[in-house]
Amino acid sequence: MPELPEVETVVRDLIPLLTLKTIVKVEVPGKKLRRPWNPLWSQLLENQTIEKVARRGKWIIISLRSNLQLLIHLGMTGQLCVFNQTEPRQSHVNLIFSLDRGVEELRFRDIRRFGSADLFPSQLALNEFFESRDLGPEPFNIPEDYWLN
């Protein structure tokens, strides 16, 4: 399972590749993740511009200009990478987000399918989800004096 530092690295790599890109189409090649992808989400994501990519715990948050929040968990073997649309698709690709004019694709691939992708209608709904998970503090938000005790 990717640990928090690996998820942080994925997020940092994705920020310059995704920020201000527009999702023009979502494909679900048929390989289900831990929870099923709602077909309505594909329609809701079309023509949405990505404002921000962030992390909370091991979840990757893709915030859209419309305030929709795409939440991705890599599970045990998940990968989230941007490819040129002409590059052959690997096996076990679960979700494909075509970006801008279809030149690039964000591909979510999870061989063991323990990962997940969910869409939240607002930042408030996403915050409520995280509050229900009783997550610990973010490591970069712990005050320095905490470590000195």
Foldseek 3Di string as FASTA:
>chain_A
DDAPVVLQVQQVVCFVVAAFKAFAFKDFPPDAAPDGDDPVVRVVRHRWHFHGWDDDGQWIWTATPQQKIKIKHQFPAKDWDKDQQPDDDDPQFGMWGQIDPSRMITTIGHPVRHMDIDIDNHPVRVVVVVVVVPDDDDPVPDDPVVVVD
